[in-house]
Amino acid sequence: MQNFENFLLNHLPISKSIHPTYEEALQKMLLAGGKRFRPALLLGVVGAYNPLLIGGAYHAAYAIELLHTYSLIHDDLPAMDNSPLRRGEPTLHVLFDEVTAILVGDALNTYSFEVLSNAPFSDYTKVALIRELSVNGGLNGMVLGQAIDCYFENRPLCLEDVKTLHINKTAKLIAASLKMGAIIIGKEDLGDALYDFGIRLGLLFQIQDDILDVTQSSEEAGKLTNNDEAKNSFVTLLGLDEALNQANALADKLMLELNGFDDNLKSELSTLLTQYINRHK
């Protein structure tokens, strides 16, 4: 992923204006790092089938990271989770102010599509990538999940509704990352299968996050933990032991699916996915 990090550093959002902190704020959370999990998924799919397209695929991977970073900035706002820490750094509304955090999130959101529009692909491929990212990151995807999460705070949901919440809020962008890799290499049938796998992977990712929220310190997690008591988390609903049981069962299923991938894809994704599928253990 070092080459992707170099690409990111060379394509940071830049603002030439009289504003004294706007450009720094635009770049702050991107430079703070993070797992880069979603870009790695996309690049893994492309690398498995056509490594010659990796250079172009960096644009799409970066677009996903920009959209994901915007979502974290907004998720941490006082009106939502009111979190002081993200990626081991003070959140933007703490470091600067709330208005700056809102506007930086808006800017990174729209910049993600500007980056995609400049990717070195055919217009057909670019439109398909833009559609996939916007559908899964927008009003019927991640934003819908966030809306449900905020509205039903302190209002317990049933298990199926909690799954619906987190499929939208977390899983769809993970699934889209895999599918966008398949779009780049022209394997749309594979993209549909990877999307379904990604939904299950994203659901596991959220169950794990809920587990880690109550088992890790804020310093270990790089963000505020033990902060989900009022939320519809899997641990709040099921308790820690049953959440662990659900995570273990889903992790086992995903490992079976991973081992059923063709050799190229399994080889490319195994190290990354084995690490994340088992991160709650």
C-alpha atoms as a PDB file:
ATOM      1  CA  MET A   1       0.000   0.000   0.000  1.00  0.00           C
ATOM      2  CA  GLN A   2       3.016   2.290   0.083  1.00  0.00           C
ATOM      3  CA  ASN A   3       2.483   3.285  -3.545  1.00  0.00           C
ATOM      4  CA  PHE A   4      -1.099   4.217  -2.736  1.00  0.00           C
ATOM      5  CA  GLU A   5       0.086   6.341   0.187  1.00  0.00           C
ATOM      6  CA  ASN A   6       2.473   8.137  -2.168  1.00  0.00           C
ATOM      7  CA  PHE A   7      -0.392   8.717  -4.616  1.00  0.00           C
ATOM      8  CA  LEU A   8      -2.514  10.144  -1.801  1.00  0.00           C
ATOM      9  CA  LEU A   9       0.271  12.475  -0.705  1.00  0.00           C
ATOM     10  CA  ASN A  10       0.670  13.719  -4.278  1.00  0.00           C
ATOM     11  CA  HIS A  11      -3.064  14.365  -4.694  1.00  0.00           C
ATOM     12  CA  LEU A  12      -4.019  16.016  -1.421  1.00  0.00           C
ATOM     13  CA  PRO A  13      -6.874  18.523  -1.716  1.00  0.00           C
ATOM     14  CA  ILE A  14      -5.409  21.992  -2.135  1.00  0.00           C
ATOM     15  CA  SER A  15      -7.098  25.331  -1.597  1.00  0.00           C
ATOM     16  CA  LYS A  16      -5.415  28.565  -2.635  1.00  0.00           C
ATOM     17  CA  SER A  17      -7.401  31.063  -0.635  1.00  0.00           C
ATOM     18  CA  ILE A  18      -7.148  33.677   2.075  1.00  0.00           C
ATOM     19  CA  HIS A  19      -8.554  31.246   4.659  1.00  0.00           C
ATOM     20  CA  PRO A  20      -5.828  30.669   7.291  1.00  0.00           C
ATOM     21  CA  THR A  21      -6.630  27.031   8.217  1.00  0.00           C
ATOM     22  CA  TYR A  22      -8.927  25.594   5.521  1.00  0.00           C
ATOM     23  CA  GLU A  23      -6.227  23.813   3.523  1.00  0.00           C
ATOM     24  CA  GLU A  24      -4.627  22.334   6.632  1.00  0.00           C
ATOM     25  CA  ALA A  25      -8.033  21.133   7.800  1.00  0.00           C
ATOM     26  CA  LEU A  26      -8.758  19.579   4.385  1.00  0.00           C
ATOM     27  CA  GLN A  27      -5.650  17.437   4.663  1.00  0.00           C
ATOM     28  CA  LYS A  28      -5.536  16.717   8.387  1.00  0.00           C
ATOM     29  CA  MET A  29      -7.577  13.512   8.610  1.00  0.00           C
ATOM     30  CA  LEU A  30      -6.164  12.130   5.356  1.00  0.00           C
ATOM     31  CA  LEU A  31      -2.623  12.582   6.663  1.00  0.00           C
ATOM     32  CA  ALA A  32      -3.599  11.012  10.001  1.00  0.00           C
ATOM     33  CA  GLY A  33      -3.623   7.667   8.222  1.00  0.00           C
ATOM     34  CA  GLY A  34      -6.194   5.038   9.081  1.00  0.00           C
ATOM     35  CA  LYS A  35      -6.504   1.432   8.025  1.00  0.00           C
ATOM     36  CA  ARG A  36      -7.004   2.205   4.282  1.00  0.00           C
ATOM     37  CA  PHE A  37      -9.068  -0.999   4.279  1.00  0.00           C
ATOM     38  CA  ARG A  38     -11.484  -0.019   1.522  1.00  0.00           C
ATOM     39  CA  PRO A  39      -8.779   1.168  -0.920  1.00  0.00           C
ATOM     40  CA  ALA A  40      -6.853  -2.053  -0.238  1.00  0.00           C
ATOM     41  CA  LEU A  41      -9.889  -4.140  -1.192  1.00  0.00           C
ATOM     42  CA  LEU A  42     -10.295  -2.348  -4.520  1.00  0.00           C
ATOM     43  CA  LEU A  43      -6.590  -2.522  -5.323  1.00  0.00           C
ATOM     44  CA  GLY A  44      -6.491  -6.190  -4.339  1.00  0.00           C
ATOM     45  CA  VAL A  45      -9.171  -7.077  -6.882  1.00  0.00           C
ATOM     46  CA  VAL A  46      -7.438  -5.107  -9.639  1.00  0.00           C
ATOM     47  CA  GLY A  47      -4.032  -6.540  -8.745  1.00  0.00           C
ATOM     48  CA  ALA A  48      -5.386 -10.087  -8.902  1.00  0.00           C
ATOM     49  CA  TYR A  49      -6.420  -9.812 -12.556  1.00  0.00           C
ATOM     50  CA  ASN A  50      -4.697  -6.880 -14.252  1.00  0.00           C
ATOM     51  CA  PRO A  51      -1.773  -5.292 -12.362  1.00  0.00           C
ATOM     52  CA  LEU A  52      -1.200  -2.951 -15.306  1.00  0.00           C
ATOM     53  CA  LEU A  53      -4.346  -1.070 -14.267  1.00  0.00           C
ATOM     54  CA  ILE A  54      -3.172  -0.427 -10.702  1.00  0.00           C
ATOM     55  CA  GLY A  55      -1.903   3.075 -11.508  1.00  0.00           C
ATOM     56  CA  GLY A  56      -5.321   4.124 -12.749  1.00  0.00           C
ATOM     57  CA  ALA A  57      -7.042   2.258  -9.943  1.00  0.00           C
ATOM     58  CA  TYR A  58      -5.333   4.517  -7.404  1.00  0.00           C
ATOM     59  CA  HIS A  59      -7.776   7.248  -8.449  1.00  0.00           C
ATOM     60  CA  ALA A  60     -10.757   5.084  -7.554  1.00  0.00           C
ATOM     61  CA  ALA A  61      -9.149   3.863  -4.331  1.00  0.00           C
ATOM     62  CA  TYR A  62      -8.430   7.452  -3.334  1.00  0.00           C
ATOM     63  CA  ALA A  63     -12.002   8.495  -4.128  1.00  0.00           C
ATOM     64  CA  ILE A  64     -13.266   5.833  -1.730  1.00  0.00           C
ATOM     65  CA  GLU A  65     -10.844   6.971   0.975  1.00  0.00           C
ATOM     66  CA  LEU A  66     -11.952  10.590   0.517  1.00  0.00           C
ATOM     67  CA  LEU A  67     -15.621   9.675   0.856  1.00  0.00           C
ATOM     68  CA  HIS A  68     -14.940   7.446   3.852  1.00  0.00           C
ATOM     69  CA  THR A  69     -12.883  10.184   5.545  1.00  0.00           C
ATOM     70  CA  TYR A  70     -15.661  12.729   5.044  1.00  0.00           C
ATOM     71  CA  SER A  71     -18.085  10.302   6.688  1.00  0.00           C
ATOM     72  CA  LEU A  72     -15.822   9.948   9.732  1.00  0.00           C
ATOM     73  CA  ILE A  73     -15.463  13.719  10.095  1.00  0.00           C
ATOM     74  CA  HIS A  74     -19.237  14.172  10.049  1.00  0.00           C
ATOM     75  CA  ASP A  75     -19.822  11.111  12.267  1.00  0.00           C
ATOM     76  CA  ASP A  76     -17.651  12.727  14.954  1.00  0.00           C
ATOM     77  CA  LEU A  77     -19.499  16.058  14.949  1.00  0.00           C
ATOM     78  CA  PRO A  78     -21.215  17.265  18.153  1.00  0.00           C
ATOM     79  CA  ALA A  79     -24.630  16.740  16.520  1.00  0.00           C
ATOM     80  CA  MET A  80     -23.792  13.072  15.922  1.00  0.00           C
ATOM     81  CA  ASP A  81     -21.270  11.178  18.095  1.00  0.00           C
ATOM     82  CA  ASN A  82     -19.505  14.242  19.550  1.00  0.00           C
ATOM     83  CA  SER A  83     -16.182  12.395  19.513  1.00  0.00           C
ATOM     84  CA  PRO A  84     -12.895  14.137  20.399  1.00  0.00           C
ATOM     85  CA  LEU A  85     -10.562  11.573  18.803  1.00  0.00           C
ATOM     86  CA  ARG A  86     -10.177   9.957  15.369  1.00  0.00           C
ATOM     87  CA  ARG A  87      -7.228   8.060  13.906  1.00  0.00           C
ATOM     88  CA  GLY A  88      -5.317   8.905  17.050  1.00  0.00           C
ATOM     89  CA  GLU A  89      -5.690  12.656  16.432  1.00  0.00           C
ATOM     90  CA  PRO A  90      -8.066  15.325  17.747  1.00  0.00           C
ATOM     91  CA  THR A  91     -11.177  15.523  15.573  1.00  0.00           C
ATOM     92  CA  LEU A  92     -11.541  18.520  13.285  1.00  0.00           C
ATOM     93  CA  HIS A  93     -14.281  20.247  15.263  1.00  0.00           C
ATOM     94  CA  VAL A  94     -11.989  20.047  18.316  1.00  0.00           C
ATOM     95  CA  LEU A  95      -8.830  21.089  16.499  1.00  0.00           C
ATOM     96  CA  PHE A  96     -10.444  23.884  14.487  1.00  0.00           C
ATOM     97  CA  ASP A  97     -14.200  24.434  14.931  1.00  0.00           C
ATOM     98  CA  GLU A  98     -17.498  22.827  14.027  1.00  0.00           C
ATOM     99  CA  VAL A  99     -18.124  24.930  10.921  1.00  0.00           C
ATOM    100  CA  THR A 100     -14.716  24.004   9.524  1.00  0.00           C
ATOM    101  CA  ALA A 101     -15.348  20.302  10.189  1.00  0.00           C
ATOM    102  CA  ILE A 102     -18.709  20.407   8.403  1.00  0.00           C
ATOM    103  CA  LEU A 103     -17.299  22.216   5.386  1.00  0.00           C
ATOM    104  CA  VAL A 104     -14.222  19.988   5.150  1.00  0.00           C
ATOM    105  CA  GLY A 105     -16.492  16.950   5.152  1.00  0.00           C
ATOM    106  CA  ASP A 106     -18.563  18.520   2.371  1.00  0.00           C
ATOM    107  CA  ALA A 107     -15.414  19.299   0.405  1.00  0.00           C
ATOM    108  CA  LEU A 108     -13.930  15.794   0.678  1.00  0.00           C
ATOM    109  CA  ASN A 109     -17.254  14.281  -0.326  1.00  0.00           C
ATOM    110  CA  THR A 110     -17.425  16.245  -3.565  1.00  0.00           C
ATOM    111  CA  TYR A 111     -13.666  16.001  -4.196  1.00  0.00           C
ATOM    112  CA  SER A 112     -13.988  12.213  -4.271  1.00  0.00           C
ATOM    113  CA  PHE A 113     -16.097  12.477  -7.430  1.00  0.00           C
ATOM    114  CA  GLU A 114     -13.749  15.037  -8.968  1.00  0.00           C
ATOM    115  CA  VAL A 115     -10.906  12.551  -8.475  1.00  0.00           C
ATOM    116  CA  LEU A 116     -12.965   9.784 -10.087  1.00  0.00           C
ATOM    117  CA  SER A 117     -13.876  12.018 -13.034  1.00  0.00           C
ATOM    118  CA  ASN A 118     -10.158  12.511 -13.738  1.00  0.00           C
ATOM    119  CA  ALA A 119      -9.288   8.802 -13.588  1.00  0.00           C
ATOM    120  CA  PRO A 120      -7.592   7.420 -16.738  1.00  0.00           C
ATOM    121  CA  PHE A 121     -10.488   5.163 -17.738  1.00  0.00           C
ATOM    122  CA  SER A 122     -13.104   5.197 -20.464  1.00  0.00           C
ATOM    123  CA  ASP A 123     -16.135   7.394 -19.895  1.00  0.00           C
ATOM    124  CA  TYR A 124     -18.232   4.229 -19.516  1.00  0.00           C
ATOM    125  CA  THR A 125     -16.021   2.943 -16.719  1.00  0.00           C
ATOM    126  CA  LYS A 126     -15.850   6.314 -14.969  1.00  0.00           C
ATOM    127  CA  VAL A 127     -19.634   6.675 -14.996  1.00  0.00           C
ATOM    128  CA  ALA A 128     -20.017   3.130 -13.635  1.00  0.00           C
ATOM    129  CA  LEU A 129     -17.537   3.878 -10.825  1.00  0.00           C
ATOM    130  CA  ILE A 130     -19.184   7.202  -9.973  1.00  0.00           C
ATOM    131  CA  ARG A 131     -22.598   5.503  -9.899  1.00  0.00           C
ATOM    132  CA  GLU A 132     -21.352   2.710  -7.621  1.00  0.00           C
ATOM    133  CA  LEU A 133     -19.719   5.077  -5.149  1.00  0.00           C
ATOM    134  CA  SER A 134     -22.651   7.498  -5.063  1.00  0.00           C
ATOM    135  CA  VAL A 135     -25.318   4.804  -4.715  1.00  0.00           C
ATOM    136  CA  ASN A 136     -23.555   3.100  -1.816  1.00  0.00           C
ATOM    137  CA  GLY A 137     -22.233   6.247  -0.144  1.00  0.00           C
ATOM    138  CA  GLY A 138     -25.316   8.383  -0.543  1.00  0.00           C
ATOM    139  CA  LEU A 139     -28.998   8.693   0.261  1.00  0.00           C
ATOM    140  CA  ASN A 140     -29.804   4.970  -0.003  1.00  0.00           C
ATOM    141  CA  GLY A 141     -26.509   3.789   1.475  1.00  0.00           C
ATOM    142  CA  MET A 142     -24.127   5.171   4.052  1.00  0.00           C
ATOM    143  CA  VAL A 143     -26.090   8.396   4.668  1.00  0.00           C
ATOM    144  CA  LEU A 144     -29.311   6.437   5.177  1.00  0.00           C
ATOM    145  CA  GLY A 145     -27.538   4.230   7.704  1.00  0.00           C
ATOM    146  CA  GLN A 146     -26.251   7.272   9.546  1.00  0.00           C
ATOM    147  CA  ALA A 147     -29.740   8.796   9.576  1.00  0.00           C
ATOM    148  CA  ILE A 148     -31.248   5.618  11.048  1.00  0.00           C
ATOM    149  CA  ASP A 149     -28.442   5.386  13.598  1.00  0.00           C
ATOM    150  CA  CYS A 150     -28.956   8.943  14.819  1.00  0.00           C
ATOM    151  CA  TYR A 151     -32.766   8.871  14.803  1.00  0.00           C
ATOM    152  CA  PHE A 152     -33.007   5.657  16.820  1.00  0.00           C
ATOM    153  CA  GLU A 153     -30.424   6.597  19.431  1.00  0.00           C
ATOM    154  CA  ASN A 154     -31.881   5.605  22.820  1.00  0.00           C
ATOM    155  CA  ARG A 155     -34.634   3.712  20.927  1.00  0.00           C
ATOM    156  CA  PRO A 156     -33.737   0.007  20.786  1.00  0.00           C
ATOM    157  CA  LEU A 157     -34.245  -1.777  17.473  1.00  0.00           C
ATOM    158  CA  CYS A 158     -34.692  -5.483  16.784  1.00  0.00           C
ATOM    159  CA  LEU A 159     -31.736  -7.475  15.454  1.00  0.00           C
ATOM    160  CA  GLU A 160     -32.865  -7.424  11.807  1.00  0.00           C
ATOM    161  CA  ASP A 161     -33.313  -3.646  11.890  1.00  0.00           C
ATOM    162  CA  VAL A 162     -29.862  -3.238  13.464  1.00  0.00           C
ATOM    163  CA  LYS A 163     -28.444  -5.309  10.608  1.00  0.00           C
ATOM    164  CA  THR A 164     -30.258  -3.084   8.099  1.00  0.00           C
ATOM    165  CA  LEU A 165     -28.824  -0.010   9.818  1.00  0.00           C
ATOM    166  CA  HIS A 166     -25.253  -1.264   9.643  1.00  0.00           C
ATOM    167  CA  ILE A 167     -25.512  -2.788   6.166  1.00  0.00           C
ATOM    168  CA  ASN A 168     -26.241   0.741   4.995  1.00  0.00           C
ATOM    169  CA  LYS A 169     -23.935   2.661   7.310  1.00  0.00           C
ATOM    170  CA  THR A 170     -20.875   0.415   7.061  1.00  0.00           C
ATOM    171  CA  ALA A 171     -21.223  -2.583   4.761  1.00  0.00           C
ATOM    172  CA  LYS A 172     -22.296  -0.955   1.503  1.00  0.00           C
ATOM    173  CA  LEU A 173     -19.140   1.141   1.110  1.00  0.00           C
ATOM    174  CA  ILE A 174     -16.980  -1.927   1.808  1.00  0.00           C
ATOM    175  CA  ALA A 175     -18.998  -3.921  -0.740  1.00  0.00           C
ATOM    176  CA  ALA A 176     -18.728  -1.083  -3.260  1.00  0.00           C
ATOM    177  CA  SER A 177     -14.936  -1.065  -2.888  1.00  0.00           C
ATOM    178  CA  LEU A 178     -14.750  -4.680  -4.035  1.00  0.00           C
ATOM    179  CA  LYS A 179     -17.246  -4.163  -6.842  1.00  0.00           C
ATOM    180  CA  MET A 180     -15.463  -1.050  -8.105  1.00  0.00           C
ATOM    181  CA  GLY A 181     -12.295  -3.121  -8.450  1.00  0.00           C
ATOM    182  CA  ALA A 182     -14.226  -5.576 -10.617  1.00  0.00           C
ATOM    183  CA  ILE A 183     -15.654  -2.717 -12.715  1.00  0.00           C
ATOM    184  CA  ILE A 184     -12.136  -1.453 -13.437  1.00  0.00           C
ATOM    185  CA  ILE A 185     -11.028  -4.844 -14.766  1.00  0.00           C
ATOM    186  CA  GLY A 186     -14.269  -5.370 -16.718  1.00  0.00           C
ATOM    187  CA  LYS A 187     -15.581  -8.327 -14.682  1.00  0.00           C
ATOM    188  CA  GLU A 188     -19.104  -7.224 -13.813  1.00  0.00           C
ATOM    189  CA  ASP A 189     -20.367 -10.738 -12.927  1.00  0.00           C
ATOM    190  CA  LEU A 190     -17.510 -11.076 -10.464  1.00  0.00           C
ATOM    191  CA  GLY A 191     -18.412  -7.618  -9.177  1.00  0.00           C
ATOM    192  CA  ASP A 192     -21.914  -8.745  -8.210  1.00  0.00           C
ATOM    193  CA  ALA A 193     -20.547 -11.764  -6.320  1.00  0.00           C
ATOM    194  CA  LEU A 194     -17.912  -9.649  -4.579  1.00  0.00           C
ATOM    195  CA  TYR A 195     -20.544  -7.091  -3.614  1.00  0.00           C
ATOM    196  CA  ASP A 196     -22.579  -9.772  -1.821  1.00  0.00           C
ATOM    197  CA  PHE A 197     -19.418 -11.010  -0.105  1.00  0.00           C
ATOM    198  CA  GLY A 198     -18.605  -7.418   0.834  1.00  0.00           C
ATOM    199  CA  ILE A 199     -21.988  -6.905   2.495  1.00  0.00           C
ATOM    200  CA  ARG A 200     -21.284  -9.859   4.773  1.00  0.00           C
ATOM    201  CA  LEU A 201     -17.735  -8.637   5.330  1.00  0.00           C
ATOM    202  CA  GLY A 202     -19.003  -5.164   6.218  1.00  0.00           C
ATOM    203  CA  LEU A 203     -21.511  -6.574   8.663  1.00  0.00           C
ATOM    204  CA  LEU A 204     -18.715  -8.514  10.378  1.00  0.00           C
ATOM    205  CA  PHE A 205     -16.591  -5.355  10.369  1.00  0.00           C
ATOM    206  CA  GLN A 206     -19.330  -3.521  12.280  1.00  0.00           C
ATOM    207  CA  ILE A 207     -19.872  -6.312  14.802  1.00  0.00           C
ATOM    208  CA  GLN A 208     -16.120  -6.287  15.399  1.00  0.00           C
ATOM    209  CA  ASP A 209     -16.097  -2.508  15.837  1.00  0.00           C
ATOM    210  CA  ASP A 210     -18.862  -2.830  18.416  1.00  0.00           C
ATOM    211  CA  ILE A 211     -16.865  -5.511  20.252  1.00  0.00           C
ATOM    212  CA  LEU A 212     -13.663  -3.472  20.142  1.00  0.00           C
ATOM    213  CA  ASP A 213     -15.567  -0.443  21.434  1.00  0.00           C
ATOM    214  CA  VAL A 214     -16.034  -2.212  24.765  1.00  0.00           C
ATOM    215  CA  THR A 215     -12.762  -4.175  24.868  1.00  0.00           C
ATOM    216  CA  GLN A 216     -10.183  -1.583  23.752  1.00  0.00           C
ATOM    217  CA  SER A 217      -9.079   1.715  25.219  1.00  0.00           C
ATOM    218  CA  SER A 218      -9.379   4.921  23.198  1.00  0.00           C
ATOM    219  CA  GLU A 219      -5.596   4.921  22.803  1.00  0.00           C
ATOM    220  CA  GLU A 220      -5.629   1.404  21.337  1.00  0.00           C
ATOM    221  CA  ALA A 221      -8.502   2.129  18.984  1.00  0.00           C
ATOM    222  CA  GLY A 222      -7.369   5.624  17.962  1.00  0.00           C
ATOM    223  CA  LYS A 223     -10.910   6.887  18.600  1.00  0.00           C
ATOM    224  CA  LEU A 224     -13.271   7.311  21.526  1.00  0.00           C
ATOM    225  CA  THR A 225     -14.422   3.946  22.883  1.00  0.00           C
ATOM    226  CA  ASN A 226     -17.090   2.862  25.356  1.00  0.00           C
ATOM    227  CA  ASN A 227     -19.306   5.411  23.654  1.00  0.00           C
ATOM    228  CA  ASP A 228     -22.077   3.228  22.214  1.00  0.00           C
ATOM    229  CA  GLU A 229     -24.380   2.746  25.198  1.00  0.00           C
ATOM    230  CA  ALA A 230     -27.160   4.784  23.606  1.00  0.00           C
ATOM    231  CA  LYS A 231     -26.545   3.364  20.125  1.00  0.00           C
ATOM    232  CA  ASN A 232     -28.034   0.326  18.425  1.00  0.00           C
ATOM    233  CA  SER A 233     -24.790  -1.632  18.490  1.00  0.00           C
ATOM    234  CA  PHE A 234     -24.581  -5.408  18.375  1.00  0.00           C
ATOM    235  CA  VAL A 235     -23.047  -5.499  21.847  1.00  0.00           C
ATOM    236  CA  THR A 236     -25.773  -3.266  23.284  1.00  0.00           C
ATOM    237  CA  LEU A 237     -28.445  -5.517  21.752  1.00  0.00           C
ATOM    238  CA  LEU A 238     -26.899  -8.968  22.186  1.00  0.00           C
ATOM    239  CA  GLY A 239     -24.339  -8.582  24.944  1.00  0.00           C
ATOM    240  CA  LEU A 240     -20.617  -9.117  24.471  1.00  0.00           C
ATOM    241  CA  ASP A 241     -20.634 -12.921  24.548  1.00  0.00           C
ATOM    242  CA  GLU A 242     -23.365 -13.326  21.944  1.00  0.00           C
ATOM    243  CA  ALA A 243     -21.833 -10.599  19.757  1.00  0.00           C
ATOM    244  CA  LEU A 244     -18.582 -12.595  19.854  1.00  0.00           C
ATOM    245  CA  ASN A 245     -20.500 -15.735  18.893  1.00  0.00           C
ATOM    246  CA  GLN A 246     -22.104 -13.938  15.948  1.00  0.00           C
ATOM    247  CA  ALA A 247     -18.741 -12.532  14.862  1.00  0.00           C
ATOM    248  CA  ASN A 248     -17.097 -15.960  15.051  1.00  0.00           C
ATOM    249  CA  ALA A 249     -19.845 -17.610  13.003  1.00  0.00           C
ATOM    250  CA  LEU A 250     -19.741 -14.906  10.330  1.00  0.00           C
ATOM    251  CA  ALA A 251     -15.922 -14.953  10.273  1.00  0.00           C
ATOM    252  CA  ASP A 252     -15.932 -18.716   9.688  1.00  0.00           C
ATOM    253  CA  LYS A 253     -18.409 -18.325   6.825  1.00  0.00           C
ATOM    254  CA  LEU A 254     -16.339 -15.588   5.216  1.00  0.00           C
ATOM    255  CA  MET A 255     -13.143 -17.625   5.481  1.00  0.00           C
ATOM    256  CA  LEU A 256     -14.886 -20.479   3.646  1.00  0.00           C
ATOM    257  CA  GLU A 257     -15.975 -18.046   0.930  1.00  0.00           C
ATOM    258  CA  LEU A 258     -12.475 -16.578   0.705  1.00  0.00           C
ATOM    259  CA  ASN A 259     -10.983 -20.031   0.262  1.00  0.00           C
ATOM    260  CA  GLY A 260     -13.441 -20.605  -2.576  1.00  0.00           C
ATOM    261  CA  PHE A 261     -12.142 -17.659  -4.614  1.00  0.00           C
ATOM    262  CA  ASP A 262      -9.972 -18.435  -7.621  1.00  0.00           C
ATOM    263  CA  ASP A 263      -6.254 -18.678  -6.884  1.00  0.00           C
ATOM    264  CA  ASN A 264      -5.351 -15.182  -8.109  1.00  0.00           C
ATOM    265  CA  LEU A 265      -8.008 -13.411  -6.058  1.00  0.00           C
ATOM    266  CA  LYS A 266      -7.463 -15.567  -2.984  1.00  0.00           C
ATOM    267  CA  SER A 267      -3.728 -14.951  -3.118  1.00  0.00           C
ATOM    268  CA  GLU A 268      -4.183 -11.197  -3.477  1.00  0.00           C
ATOM    269  CA  LEU A 269      -6.790 -10.764  -0.734  1.00  0.00           C
ATOM    270  CA  SER A 270      -5.938 -13.500   1.786  1.00  0.00           C
ATOM    271  CA  THR A 271      -3.382 -11.623   3.877  1.00  0.00           C
ATOM    272  CA  LEU A 272      -5.554  -8.528   4.183  1.00  0.00           C
ATOM    273  CA  LEU A 273      -8.842 -10.326   4.758  1.00  0.00           C
ATOM    274  CA  THR A 274      -7.537 -12.978   7.129  1.00  0.00           C
ATOM    275  CA  GLN A 275      -6.167 -10.175   9.317  1.00  0.00           C
ATOM    276  CA  TYR A 276      -9.469  -8.291   9.383  1.00  0.00           C
ATOM    277  CA  ILE A 277     -11.824 -11.243   9.498  1.00  0.00           C
ATOM    278  CA  ASN A 278     -10.128 -12.393  12.677  1.00  0.00           C
ATOM    279  CA  ARG A 279      -9.363  -9.015  14.273  1.00  0.00           C
ATOM    280  CA  HIS A 280     -11.903  -9.477  17.081  1.00  0.00           C
ATOM    281  CA  LYS A 281     -10.234 -12.678  18.318  1.00  0.00           C
END
